[in-house]
Amino acid sequence: RRRRAGRAGSAGAAPAGASVGSAPPPGSAGDPADPAKAAASAPASPAPQAPEVHAPDLPASAPPAAGRPETQASSGARPSRGTDAARRPAAPSPDPALPPEPAADAEPLAPPSAPAAPPAVPGPAGAPRTRSPGVQRGRAPRITEAGAAYVELRCKGYKTFKPKEQVNPAAGASWDKSSKGNVQSTIHLMARTLGDKPVDRISDGDLTKAWEVIARLPNTYQAKTSKLSPQEAAAEADEREARNAELTRARLEKEGASPGKIDARIAMGRIPRMRAATVYRHMQDFQRICRYLVATGAVSDNLMEGHIWDKLEVQRRQILEEDNERLTWCGHLDALFRTPNFRQPLEDPGDPMFWAPLIALHAGLRSEEALQLALRDIQVVDGVPCFVLSQGPGQTLKSPAARRTVPVHRNLIELGFMVLVERLRKNGELRLFPYLERSANKKTYTENFSKRFTAYRRKHGLYDPQRDFHSFRTTFNVKLIETECLDSQRRYIVGHTDTDVGIRHYAPTGFSKALLQKRVDAVEIDITAIRRPFGPEAGRSSGRAEELGLRIV
């Protein structure tokens, strides 16, 4: 068009009646008959330019298509999106295979630089969405965050964390009392040993070193309250133990002691470290937290895989440890029964510090089983006074085998136990020990009572860490074995699961009360030193005196 316009401008106006595209008159500059003149008078045609290529309209944030370099104009600048519409190529017809363009009033897309926040890690079906902050899908939580979320859901009654798991509030309440404290101690220990870092930043090397440090910790170390880190506490224990051994050897060698005595003294001066069973418990609890994180999608792999000990490794480490098995009260009962609680008049005839040890010693009850007894649990069944152990309101049992009926030992009856029960019933009480209160931490009667019993033993020179309240139950079990009681009957009386299929299927309700009374009364325990809470001082030993053929005057 520009060439035609140039030719028309040099030739002047076209004659009337001539079309714009008609041939010029002879002798004009555009006359083909005179090529030289036409060439001299014609304006120079512009040099051919490279065709301009315009990129299609794309979103501002979209990158160029792969393999398609950006084509620039001859001036080197890419045409802007504001170029005159005449220079744009015609818009292509819409392709039916492509999705339709959004409407003009549609909500704009979020820029790629501002992704949506990751959703919270979903718990089991029906789980409350409000959990400890930080445990989110797409961001690995810290050790304390993961532990807090795990503890919260377990206390609510979740266990497997499967998508369709149904909550069990009763099981959650039981876990809260029995296991929450142990798990929280593991969380504190791991956070201080590894540093409270995101769990996806914990390497296998970190875990290997951490468990090596934990196994060297003194058995008194408390991660929650100690001013020393686990690494510092383990190093300090190693240094102190080596220094004590060196001083002990130097002193005994100067005294001329034998090599055997020196070695024994050095061994006695070693600092007790965390037991293998305790380390293994921490491993198990931390692995449960890791499995929870995998189940909820916070991490992809179980961090503890390959680190937790197997049973053979636990046994191997336990063999190398000094024995610390629980001891019985055999040989020490006489000293216990000569302490004030059993020799002097009681301010409260129903004092649990008097009755609870005797009940555990004569019936094999666990501490919580004895301390939570309700008056309705003490019944006369088939003419035999019995402890009928079941899970009533506010009570807990360790296992299904703990549901059992145990006859009241004749020694307890002689000391006035049934008199106590009748007095409490007349007073309208519901529990055997109505003034015992649950602890604030574990919500159990045992926690507070154990502290009182430990202080009592310390005060009267009877303290031994391996001889505690549970040792009364151990003593009763040992004495049952000594009476040659059948294993099936003994396991029923003490509340252990029976492995005999015949007993489990054909005698699920246990044995006759007369037979059980015979087995329980066969356990011999001397109570002649105990003062009766009810009745005169002279009457306390009448039962024993009659057995010996004596008459109380």
Protein backbone atom coordinates (compact mmCIF):
# COMPACT_ATOMS: atom_id res chain seq x y z
CA ARG A 1 0.00 0.00 0.00
CA ARG A 2 2.88 2.38 0.80
CA ARG A 3 4.42 1.77 -2.66
CA ARG A 4 1.13 2.37 -4.40
CA ALA A 5 0.57 5.51 -2.31
CA GLY A 6 4.05 6.76 -3.28
CA ARG A 7 3.47 6.21 -6.96
CA ALA A 8 0.10 7.93 -6.76
CA GLY A 9 1.60 10.94 -4.97
CA SER A 10 4.39 11.44 -7.59
CA ALA A 11 2.01 11.12 -10.52
CA GLY A 12 -0.54 13.55 -9.15
CA ALA A 13 -4.25 13.10 -9.10
CA ALA A 14 -5.65 10.44 -11.33
CA PRO A 15 -7.74 11.61 -14.31
CA ALA A 16 -11.44 11.68 -13.88
CA GLY A 17 -13.03 8.33 -14.40
CA ALA A 18 -9.77 6.49 -13.82
CA SER A 19 -9.55 3.95 -11.01
CA VAL A 20 -6.85 4.06 -8.43
CA GLY A 21 -5.31 0.89 -9.77
CA SER A 22 -5.29 1.98 -13.50
CA ALA A 23 -2.04 2.41 -15.44
CA PRO A 24 -0.38 5.87 -15.38
CA PRO A 25 -0.45 8.05 -18.51
CA PRO A 26 2.38 7.78 -21.03
CA GLY A 27 5.46 9.79 -20.17
CA SER A 28 4.77 9.82 -16.45
CA ALA A 29 7.32 8.71 -13.93
CA GLY A 30 5.56 5.40 -13.54
CA ASP A 31 5.42 4.72 -17.27
CA PRO A 32 6.93 1.33 -17.95
CA ALA A 33 7.95 2.45 -21.44
CA ASP A 34 10.79 4.52 -19.97
CA PRO A 35 12.44 2.28 -17.37
CA ALA A 36 15.41 4.59 -16.73
CA LYS A 37 13.27 7.62 -16.04
CA ALA A 38 10.93 5.58 -13.93
CA ALA A 39 13.80 4.27 -11.85
CA ALA A 40 15.26 7.77 -11.39
CA SER A 41 12.01 9.36 -10.35
CA ALA A 42 10.54 6.50 -8.21
CA PRO A 43 11.15 6.71 -4.45
CA ALA A 44 13.45 4.14 -2.97
CA SER A 45 11.53 1.17 -1.64
CA PRO A 46 12.17 0.38 2.00
CA ALA A 47 14.46 -2.53 2.82
CA PRO A 48 12.64 -5.75 3.64
CA GLN A 49 12.16 -6.23 7.35
CA ALA A 50 11.92 -9.41 9.31
CA PRO A 51 8.32 -10.23 10.08
CA GLU A 52 7.34 -9.27 13.60
CA VAL A 53 6.37 -12.22 15.77
CA HIS A 54 4.08 -11.44 18.71
CA ALA A 55 3.78 -13.81 21.66
CA PRO A 56 0.26 -14.97 22.43
CA ASP A 57 -1.51 -13.44 25.37
CA LEU A 58 -0.35 -15.38 28.45
CA PRO A 59 -0.77 -14.70 32.16
CA ALA A 60 1.91 -12.40 33.44
CA SER A 61 3.30 -15.10 35.75
CA ALA A 62 3.47 -17.87 33.12
CA PRO A 63 6.98 -18.69 31.86
CA PRO A 64 7.75 -19.05 28.15
CA ALA A 65 6.92 -22.38 26.63
CA ALA A 66 9.76 -24.85 26.80
CA GLY A 67 11.82 -25.00 23.62
CA ARG A 68 10.27 -21.78 22.28
CA PRO A 69 12.72 -18.86 22.63
CA GLU A 70 11.38 -15.35 22.82
CA THR A 71 11.55 -13.64 19.37
CA GLN A 72 12.41 -9.96 19.41
CA ALA A 73 11.84 -7.21 16.86
CA SER A 74 14.72 -5.84 14.80
CA SER A 75 15.16 -3.03 17.32
CA GLY A 76 15.99 -5.68 19.99
CA ALA A 77 13.05 -4.80 22.27
CA ARG A 78 10.23 -7.26 22.83
CA PRO A 79 6.87 -5.70 21.81
CA SER A 80 4.84 -4.74 24.82
CA ARG A 81 1.30 -5.91 25.48
CA GLY A 82 0.21 -2.27 24.81
CA THR A 83 1.17 -2.36 21.09
CA ASP A 84 -1.37 -0.88 18.67
CA ALA A 85 -4.14 -3.28 17.86
CA ALA A 86 -3.34 -3.00 14.15
CA ARG A 87 0.02 -4.66 14.80
CA ARG A 88 -1.50 -7.57 16.69
CA PRO A 89 -2.32 -10.76 14.87
CA ALA A 90 -5.96 -11.59 14.79
CA ALA A 91 -7.15 -13.50 17.82
CA PRO A 92 -7.40 -17.20 17.02
CA SER A 93 -10.76 -18.80 17.04
CA PRO A 94 -11.48 -20.60 20.31
CA ASP A 95 -10.44 -24.22 20.37
CA PRO A 96 -13.25 -26.42 21.65
CA ALA A 97 -10.64 -28.74 23.20
CA LEU A 98 -9.33 -25.98 25.48
CA PRO A 99 -11.08 -24.90 28.69
CA PRO A 100 -13.08 -21.69 28.41
CA GLU A 101 -11.47 -18.46 29.51
CA PRO A 102 -12.68 -17.08 32.86
CA ALA A 103 -15.27 -14.38 32.81
CA ALA A 104 -14.20 -10.79 33.18
CA ASP A 105 -15.73 -10.54 36.65
CA ALA A 106 -14.26 -13.85 37.87
CA GLU A 107 -12.08 -13.85 40.99
CA PRO A 108 -8.42 -13.51 40.02
CA LEU A 109 -6.05 -16.39 40.61
CA ALA A 110 -3.65 -16.17 43.55
CA PRO A 111 -0.12 -15.37 42.44
CA PRO A 112 2.24 -18.34 42.44
CA SER A 113 4.45 -16.65 45.02
CA ALA A 114 1.70 -16.87 47.66
CA PRO A 115 0.72 -20.56 48.01
CA ALA A 116 -2.17 -21.53 50.20
CA ALA A 117 -1.35 -22.44 53.79
CA PRO A 118 -0.96 -26.21 54.30
CA PRO A 119 -3.91 -27.86 56.00
CA ALA A 120 -3.60 -29.20 59.52
CA VAL A 121 -2.68 -32.83 59.91
CA PRO A 122 -5.95 -34.71 59.99
CA GLY A 123 -6.49 -36.80 63.08
CA PRO A 124 -8.76 -39.82 63.21
CA ALA A 125 -12.31 -39.51 62.02
CA GLY A 126 -14.25 -37.26 64.30
CA ALA A 127 -11.15 -35.95 66.07
CA PRO A 128 -11.27 -32.32 67.08
CA ARG A 129 -9.36 -30.15 64.65
CA THR A 130 -7.90 -28.01 67.41
CA ARG A 131 -4.65 -29.64 68.44
CA SER A 132 -1.26 -28.48 69.52
CA PRO A 133 0.04 -25.80 67.14
CA GLY A 134 2.69 -26.63 64.59
CA VAL A 135 1.67 -30.19 63.75
CA GLN A 136 0.69 -29.54 60.16
CA ARG A 137 0.91 -31.46 56.95
CA GLY A 138 3.78 -30.15 54.91
CA ARG A 139 5.77 -28.98 57.93
CA ALA A 140 7.38 -31.47 60.28
CA PRO A 141 6.69 -30.58 63.93
CA ARG A 142 9.28 -30.21 66.62
CA ILE A 143 9.76 -32.99 69.15
CA THR A 144 7.76 -31.21 71.86
CA GLU A 145 4.98 -30.30 69.41
CA ALA A 146 4.68 -33.87 68.16
CA GLY A 147 4.73 -35.23 71.71
CA ALA A 148 2.08 -32.79 72.93
CA ALA A 149 -0.25 -33.66 70.03
CA TYR A 150 0.25 -37.39 70.62
CA VAL A 151 -0.43 -37.11 74.35
CA GLU A 152 -3.53 -35.01 73.76
CA LEU A 153 -5.10 -37.52 71.37
CA ARG A 154 -4.19 -40.53 73.52
CA CYS A 155 -5.84 -38.87 76.53
CA LYS A 156 -8.99 -38.41 74.44
CA GLY A 157 -9.08 -42.13 73.66
CA TYR A 158 -7.31 -42.56 70.32
CA LYS A 159 -4.69 -45.27 69.90
CA THR A 160 -4.16 -46.39 66.30
CA PHE A 161 -4.89 -43.01 64.62
CA LYS A 162 -6.49 -44.76 61.68
CA PRO A 163 -8.87 -42.59 59.63
CA LYS A 164 -11.98 -44.41 60.85
CA GLU A 165 -10.88 -45.08 64.43
CA GLN A 166 -13.61 -44.62 67.03
CA VAL A 167 -12.70 -42.72 70.18
CA ASN A 168 -12.70 -44.55 73.51
CA PRO A 169 -12.88 -41.95 76.31
CA ALA A 170 -12.63 -44.55 79.10
CA ALA A 171 -9.43 -45.97 77.63
CA GLY A 172 -8.11 -42.44 77.24
CA ALA A 173 -8.77 -41.67 80.90
CA SER A 174 -7.01 -44.87 81.92
CA TRP A 175 -4.02 -44.03 79.71
CA ASP A 176 -3.94 -40.54 81.22
CA LYS A 177 -3.50 -42.00 84.71
CA SER A 178 -1.15 -44.88 83.92
CA SER A 179 1.03 -43.85 80.98
CA LYS A 180 0.90 -40.10 80.39
CA GLY A 181 3.63 -39.33 82.92
CA ASN A 182 6.06 -41.83 81.39
CA VAL A 183 5.47 -40.52 77.87
CA GLN A 184 5.95 -36.92 78.95
CA SER A 185 9.26 -37.84 80.60
CA THR A 186 10.34 -39.40 77.29
CA ILE A 187 9.41 -36.23 75.42
CA HIS A 188 11.47 -34.07 77.80
CA LEU A 189 14.41 -36.48 77.58
CA MET A 190 14.46 -36.66 73.78
CA ALA A 191 13.97 -32.91 73.35
CA ARG A 192 16.93 -32.18 75.63
CA THR A 193 19.15 -34.89 74.14
CA LEU A 194 18.49 -34.15 70.46
CA GLY A 195 17.54 -30.50 70.79
CA ASP A 196 13.93 -29.52 70.17
CA LYS A 197 14.33 -29.63 66.41
CA PRO A 198 11.83 -30.57 63.67
CA VAL A 199 11.60 -34.33 63.48
CA ASP A 200 12.51 -34.43 59.78
CA ARG A 201 15.90 -32.98 60.68
CA ILE A 202 16.78 -35.86 63.02
CA SER A 203 19.30 -38.15 61.34
CA ASP A 204 20.15 -41.75 62.09
CA GLY A 205 23.48 -40.59 63.46
CA ASP A 206 21.70 -38.20 65.83
CA LEU A 207 19.53 -40.99 67.21
CA THR A 208 22.45 -43.41 67.60
CA LYS A 209 24.42 -40.88 69.63
CA ALA A 210 21.35 -39.93 71.65
CA TRP A 211 20.63 -43.48 72.82
CA GLU A 212 24.29 -44.01 73.69
CA VAL A 213 24.16 -40.92 75.91
CA ILE A 214 20.86 -41.94 77.51
CA ALA A 215 22.22 -45.38 78.45
CA ARG A 216 25.08 -43.65 80.35
CA LEU A 217 22.83 -41.29 82.33
CA PRO A 218 22.68 -41.64 86.13
CA ASN A 219 19.48 -43.35 87.21
CA THR A 220 18.49 -40.22 89.15
CA TYR A 221 18.62 -37.87 86.15
CA GLN A 222 15.45 -35.85 85.52
CA ALA A 223 15.36 -34.22 82.08
CA LYS A 224 12.55 -31.84 83.03
CA THR A 225 14.26 -30.28 86.06
CA SER A 226 18.00 -30.89 85.72
CA LYS A 227 20.23 -27.92 84.99
CA LEU A 228 22.61 -30.22 83.10
CA SER A 229 21.92 -31.47 79.61
CA PRO A 230 21.95 -35.25 79.16
CA GLN A 231 25.38 -35.04 77.53
CA GLU A 232 26.75 -33.00 80.44
CA ALA A 233 25.16 -35.29 83.05
CA ALA A 234 26.58 -38.44 81.43
CA ALA A 235 30.06 -36.91 81.11
CA GLU A 236 29.96 -35.66 84.71
CA ALA A 237 28.96 -39.15 85.96
CA ASP A 238 31.80 -40.77 83.99
CA GLU A 239 34.32 -38.30 85.40
CA ARG A 240 33.09 -38.64 88.99
CA GLU A 241 33.09 -42.44 88.81
CA ALA A 242 36.68 -42.50 87.48
CA ARG A 243 37.82 -40.06 90.17
CA ASN A 244 36.16 -42.09 92.94
CA ALA A 245 37.79 -45.28 91.69
CA GLU A 246 41.21 -43.64 91.63
CA LEU A 247 40.85 -42.25 95.17
CA THR A 248 39.50 -45.55 96.51
CA ARG A 249 42.36 -47.53 95.01
CA ALA A 250 44.99 -45.12 96.34
CA ARG A 251 43.50 -45.16 99.86
CA LEU A 252 43.15 -48.94 100.09
CA GLU A 253 46.57 -49.61 98.62
CA LYS A 254 48.05 -47.31 101.26
CA GLU A 255 46.19 -49.30 103.93
CA GLY A 256 47.59 -52.54 102.49
CA ALA A 257 44.21 -53.96 101.43
CA SER A 258 44.05 -57.06 99.26
CA PRO A 259 43.39 -56.74 95.50
CA GLY A 260 40.05 -58.45 95.97
CA LYS A 261 38.92 -55.93 98.56
CA ILE A 262 40.06 -53.03 96.37
CA ASP A 263 38.13 -54.32 93.35
CA ALA A 264 35.01 -54.89 95.46
CA ARG A 265 35.14 -51.41 96.93
CA ILE A 266 35.60 -49.83 93.51
CA ALA A 267 32.62 -51.80 92.16
CA MET A 268 30.48 -50.68 95.11
CA GLY A 269 31.37 -47.06 94.38
CA ARG A 270 30.15 -47.08 90.80
CA ILE A 271 27.38 -44.66 89.93
CA PRO A 272 24.13 -46.48 89.08
CA ARG A 273 23.12 -45.74 85.50
CA MET A 274 19.75 -45.86 83.78
CA ARG A 275 18.50 -49.43 83.67
CA ALA A 276 18.17 -51.22 80.34
CA ALA A 277 14.45 -51.68 80.95
CA THR A 278 14.05 -47.92 81.45
CA VAL A 279 15.99 -47.08 78.28
CA TYR A 280 13.88 -49.59 76.38
CA ARG A 281 10.68 -47.99 77.71
CA HIS A 282 11.86 -44.60 76.44
CA MET A 283 12.58 -46.20 73.05
CA GLN A 284 9.10 -47.70 72.89
CA ASP A 285 7.38 -44.45 73.82
CA PHE A 286 9.38 -42.41 71.30
CA GLN A 287 8.66 -44.99 68.59
CA ARG A 288 4.93 -44.69 69.31
CA ILE A 289 5.17 -40.94 68.76
CA CYS A 290 7.03 -41.55 65.48
CA ARG A 291 4.35 -43.98 64.32
CA TYR A 292 1.70 -41.40 65.15
CA LEU A 293 3.50 -38.88 62.93
CA VAL A 294 3.60 -41.39 60.08
CA ALA A 295 -0.10 -42.23 60.52
CA THR A 296 -1.12 -38.58 60.40
CA GLY A 297 1.11 -37.76 57.43
CA ALA A 298 3.47 -35.37 59.21
CA VAL A 299 6.49 -37.49 58.21
CA SER A 300 6.92 -40.35 55.79
CA ASP A 301 9.18 -42.74 57.71
CA ASN A 302 9.42 -44.10 61.24
CA LEU A 303 12.55 -42.50 62.69
CA MET A 304 13.03 -45.30 65.22
CA GLU A 305 13.17 -48.07 62.65
CA GLY A 306 16.47 -49.88 63.15
CA HIS A 307 17.23 -48.07 66.42
CA ILE A 308 14.92 -49.73 68.93
CA TRP A 309 16.37 -52.78 70.65
CA ASP A 310 14.94 -56.23 70.08
CA LYS A 311 14.21 -58.58 72.98
CA LEU A 312 17.57 -60.34 72.73
CA GLU A 313 19.43 -57.03 73.00
CA VAL A 314 17.35 -56.05 76.06
CA GLN A 315 18.12 -59.39 77.70
CA ARG A 316 21.81 -59.10 76.86
CA ARG A 317 22.03 -55.70 78.54
CA GLN A 318 20.00 -56.82 81.55
CA ILE A 319 22.34 -59.75 82.14
CA LEU A 320 25.24 -57.30 82.44
CA GLU A 321 23.43 -55.22 85.07
CA GLU A 322 23.46 -55.67 88.81
CA ASP A 323 20.39 -57.41 90.15
CA ASN A 324 17.69 -55.10 91.45
CA GLU A 325 14.73 -57.45 91.65
CA ARG A 326 12.01 -56.62 94.15
CA LEU A 327 12.63 -58.25 97.53
CA THR A 328 10.04 -59.83 99.82
CA TRP A 329 9.22 -58.84 103.38
CA CYS A 330 10.14 -62.33 104.60
CA GLY A 331 12.45 -61.92 107.58
CA HIS A 332 11.53 -58.23 107.96
CA LEU A 333 7.87 -58.41 109.00
CA ASP A 334 8.67 -58.65 112.68
CA ALA A 335 10.63 -55.37 112.51
CA LEU A 336 7.75 -53.72 110.62
CA PHE A 337 5.12 -54.95 113.09
CA ARG A 338 7.09 -53.45 115.99
CA THR A 339 6.87 -49.91 114.59
CA PRO A 340 4.36 -47.44 116.14
CA ASN A 341 1.58 -47.95 113.59
CA PHE A 342 1.26 -51.61 114.59
CA ARG A 343 2.08 -51.34 118.32
CA GLN A 344 0.46 -48.14 119.60
CA PRO A 345 -3.22 -47.12 119.72
CA LEU A 346 -4.37 -45.61 116.44
CA GLU A 347 -5.97 -42.19 116.27
CA ASP A 348 -8.10 -43.60 113.45
CA PRO A 349 -8.90 -47.34 113.76
CA GLY A 350 -9.34 -47.41 109.99
CA ASP A 351 -5.94 -45.84 109.22
CA PRO A 352 -4.85 -47.07 105.75
CA MET A 353 -1.22 -47.08 106.92
CA PHE A 354 -2.26 -49.95 109.21
CA TRP A 355 -4.76 -51.85 107.09
CA ALA A 356 -3.47 -51.46 103.50
CA PRO A 357 -0.14 -53.26 104.09
CA LEU A 358 -1.95 -56.06 105.93
CA ILE A 359 -4.52 -56.49 103.15
CA ALA A 360 -1.81 -56.66 100.49
CA LEU A 361 0.18 -59.11 102.63
CA HIS A 362 -2.76 -61.45 103.32
CA ALA A 363 -4.66 -61.26 100.00
CA GLY A 364 -2.04 -60.32 97.39
CA LEU A 365 -3.89 -57.16 96.28
CA ARG A 366 -2.09 -54.51 94.29
CA SER A 367 -1.79 -51.12 95.97
CA GLU A 368 -4.51 -49.42 93.90
CA GLU A 369 -6.78 -52.46 94.27
CA ALA A 370 -6.53 -52.23 98.06
CA LEU A 371 -6.70 -48.45 98.37
CA GLN A 372 -9.76 -48.04 96.10
CA LEU A 373 -11.83 -50.74 97.82
CA ALA A 374 -15.48 -49.84 98.24
CA LEU A 375 -17.55 -51.33 101.05
CA ARG A 376 -19.71 -53.12 98.48
CA ASP A 377 -16.53 -54.97 97.38
CA ILE A 378 -16.41 -56.74 100.76
CA GLN A 379 -19.09 -59.40 100.68
CA VAL A 380 -19.93 -62.73 102.24
CA VAL A 381 -20.08 -65.22 99.36
CA ASP A 382 -21.18 -68.79 100.09
CA GLY A 383 -20.60 -68.11 103.78
CA VAL A 384 -17.04 -66.86 103.20
CA PRO A 385 -16.06 -63.17 103.70
CA CYS A 386 -14.40 -62.11 100.46
CA PHE A 387 -12.87 -59.24 98.53
CA VAL A 388 -14.92 -59.12 95.32
CA LEU A 389 -12.69 -57.18 92.93
CA SER A 390 -14.48 -55.56 90.00
CA GLN A 391 -14.33 -52.26 88.19
CA GLY A 392 -16.99 -50.12 89.75
CA PRO A 393 -17.51 -46.35 89.56
CA GLY A 394 -14.21 -44.55 89.94
CA GLN A 395 -12.22 -47.79 90.02
CA THR A 396 -9.66 -49.24 87.65
CA LEU A 397 -8.21 -52.72 87.21
CA LYS A 398 -4.94 -53.62 85.57
CA SER A 399 -6.26 -56.42 83.36
CA PRO A 400 -9.30 -58.69 82.87
CA ALA A 401 -7.62 -61.28 85.11
CA ALA A 402 -7.72 -58.76 87.97
CA ARG A 403 -11.47 -59.39 88.27
CA ARG A 404 -11.53 -62.03 90.96
CA THR A 405 -12.88 -63.00 94.37
CA VAL A 406 -10.33 -63.50 97.18
CA PRO A 407 -11.35 -64.75 100.65
CA VAL A 408 -10.47 -62.53 103.62
CA HIS A 409 -7.60 -64.15 105.54
CA ARG A 410 -8.36 -65.35 109.06
CA ASN A 411 -5.65 -63.01 110.43
CA LEU A 412 -7.52 -59.97 109.11
CA ILE A 413 -10.75 -61.19 110.69
CA GLU A 414 -8.92 -61.74 113.98
CA LEU A 415 -7.55 -58.17 113.87
CA GLY A 416 -11.10 -56.81 113.49
CA PHE A 417 -11.31 -56.11 109.77
CA MET A 418 -14.98 -57.04 109.48
CA VAL A 419 -15.73 -54.87 112.53
CA LEU A 420 -14.21 -51.93 110.68
CA VAL A 421 -16.37 -52.65 107.64
CA GLU A 422 -19.56 -52.72 109.68
CA ARG A 423 -18.72 -49.49 111.48
CA LEU A 424 -18.09 -47.70 108.20
CA ARG A 425 -21.39 -48.94 106.81
CA LYS A 426 -23.27 -47.68 109.85
CA ASN A 427 -21.61 -44.29 109.38
CA GLY A 428 -22.89 -44.14 105.81
CA GLU A 429 -19.46 -44.35 104.18
CA LEU A 430 -19.00 -45.88 100.74
CA ARG A 431 -15.27 -46.54 100.66
CA LEU A 432 -13.01 -48.55 102.96
CA PHE A 433 -10.58 -45.63 103.24
CA PRO A 434 -12.88 -42.61 102.91
CA TYR A 435 -10.24 -39.98 103.69
CA LEU A 436 -7.71 -41.05 101.08
CA GLU A 437 -7.51 -38.61 98.18
CA ARG A 438 -6.29 -39.07 94.65
CA SER A 439 -3.05 -37.45 93.56
CA ALA A 440 -3.14 -34.35 91.41
CA ASN A 441 -0.73 -35.81 88.86
CA LYS A 442 -1.75 -39.40 88.11
CA LYS A 443 -5.18 -39.19 89.73
CA THR A 444 -4.48 -42.37 91.73
CA TYR A 445 -4.56 -43.22 95.43
CA THR A 446 -1.26 -45.07 95.13
CA GLU A 447 0.87 -42.06 94.27
CA ASN A 448 0.25 -40.14 97.50
CA PHE A 449 0.12 -43.25 99.69
CA SER A 450 3.44 -44.55 98.37
CA LYS A 451 5.14 -41.32 99.39
CA ARG A 452 3.74 -41.63 102.91
CA PHE A 453 4.79 -45.28 103.19
CA THR A 454 8.29 -44.49 101.91
CA ALA A 455 8.68 -41.71 104.48
CA TYR A 456 7.44 -44.10 107.21
CA ARG A 457 10.04 -46.73 106.29
CA ARG A 458 12.82 -44.14 106.23
CA LYS A 459 11.80 -42.80 109.62
CA HIS A 460 11.91 -46.22 111.27
CA GLY A 461 15.00 -47.62 109.56
CA LEU A 462 13.18 -50.03 107.22
CA TYR A 463 13.83 -48.33 103.89
CA ASP A 464 15.17 -50.45 101.04
CA PRO A 465 14.47 -49.36 97.45
CA GLN A 466 13.90 -52.99 96.52
CA ARG A 467 11.47 -53.65 99.38
CA ASP A 468 8.40 -51.45 98.94
CA PHE A 469 4.62 -51.73 99.21
CA HIS A 470 4.34 -54.01 96.19
CA SER A 471 6.70 -56.38 98.01
CA PHE A 472 3.75 -57.34 100.26
CA ARG A 473 2.03 -58.79 97.20
CA THR A 474 5.28 -60.52 96.21
CA THR A 475 5.56 -61.99 99.71
CA PHE A 476 2.01 -63.39 99.56
CA ASN A 477 2.70 -64.94 96.15
CA VAL A 478 5.91 -66.59 97.41
CA LYS A 479 4.16 -67.99 100.47
CA LEU A 480 1.37 -69.41 98.28
CA ILE A 481 4.01 -71.23 96.26
CA GLU A 482 5.56 -72.57 99.48
CA THR A 483 2.20 -74.07 100.48
CA GLU A 484 2.29 -76.07 97.21
CA CYS A 485 -0.82 -74.30 95.95
CA LEU A 486 -1.68 -75.31 92.39
CA ASP A 487 -0.48 -72.80 89.81
CA SER A 488 -3.94 -72.35 88.31
CA GLN A 489 -5.40 -71.52 91.73
CA ARG A 490 -2.48 -69.26 92.67
CA ARG A 491 -2.73 -67.31 89.42
CA TYR A 492 -6.44 -66.78 89.99
CA ILE A 493 -5.95 -65.56 93.57
CA VAL A 494 -3.25 -63.02 92.67
CA GLY A 495 -4.95 -61.93 89.43
CA HIS A 496 -2.53 -63.28 86.83
CA THR A 497 -3.69 -64.49 83.42
CA ASP A 498 -3.95 -68.26 83.30
CA THR A 499 -2.31 -69.98 80.34
CA ASP A 500 -4.24 -73.23 80.84
CA VAL A 501 -6.86 -73.47 78.10
CA GLY A 502 -8.96 -75.86 80.19
CA ILE A 503 -9.13 -73.38 83.07
CA ARG A 504 -9.91 -70.42 80.82
CA HIS A 505 -12.71 -72.17 78.94
CA TYR A 506 -14.19 -74.58 81.50
CA ALA A 507 -13.68 -72.68 84.77
CA PRO A 508 -13.93 -69.03 83.76
CA THR A 509 -15.58 -68.01 87.06
CA GLY A 510 -12.77 -69.41 89.17
CA PHE A 511 -12.92 -71.93 91.99
CA SER A 512 -15.23 -72.61 94.92
CA LYS A 513 -14.96 -70.10 97.75
CA ALA A 514 -14.33 -72.86 100.28
CA LEU A 515 -11.32 -74.08 98.27
CA LEU A 516 -9.98 -70.55 97.86
CA GLN A 517 -10.40 -69.89 101.58
CA LYS A 518 -8.39 -73.02 102.33
CA ARG A 519 -5.58 -71.86 100.03
CA VAL A 520 -5.49 -68.32 101.44
CA ASP A 521 -5.59 -69.38 105.10
CA ALA A 522 -2.72 -71.80 104.45
CA VAL A 523 -0.42 -68.77 104.22
CA GLU A 524 1.17 -68.44 107.68
CA ILE A 525 1.99 -64.92 108.92
CA ASP A 526 2.74 -64.20 112.58
CA ILE A 527 0.67 -61.24 113.81
CA THR A 528 1.19 -61.70 117.57
CA ALA A 529 3.18 -58.45 117.75
CA ILE A 530 0.33 -56.38 116.28
CA ARG A 531 -1.99 -54.44 118.54
CA ARG A 532 -5.66 -54.79 117.64
CA PRO A 533 -7.38 -51.52 116.70
CA PHE A 534 -10.60 -52.82 118.31
CA GLY A 535 -10.62 -54.40 121.73
CA PRO A 536 -8.29 -54.55 124.72
CA GLU A 537 -4.55 -55.08 124.47
CA ALA A 538 -4.83 -58.57 125.97
CA GLY A 539 -7.11 -59.73 123.17
CA ARG A 540 -4.68 -59.05 120.35
CA SER A 541 -2.94 -62.41 120.61
CA SER A 542 -5.82 -64.68 121.59
CA GLY A 543 -5.89 -66.44 118.24
CA ARG A 544 -2.19 -67.28 118.36
CA ALA A 545 -2.42 -68.25 122.02
CA GLU A 546 -5.23 -70.72 121.34
CA GLU A 547 -3.15 -72.33 118.59
CA LEU A 548 -0.35 -72.79 121.12
CA GLY A 549 -2.69 -74.23 123.78
CA LEU A 550 -2.44 -71.19 126.05
CA ARG A 551 -5.19 -69.36 127.95
CA ILE A 552 -5.30 -65.59 128.11
CA VAL A 553 -5.83 -64.39 131.68
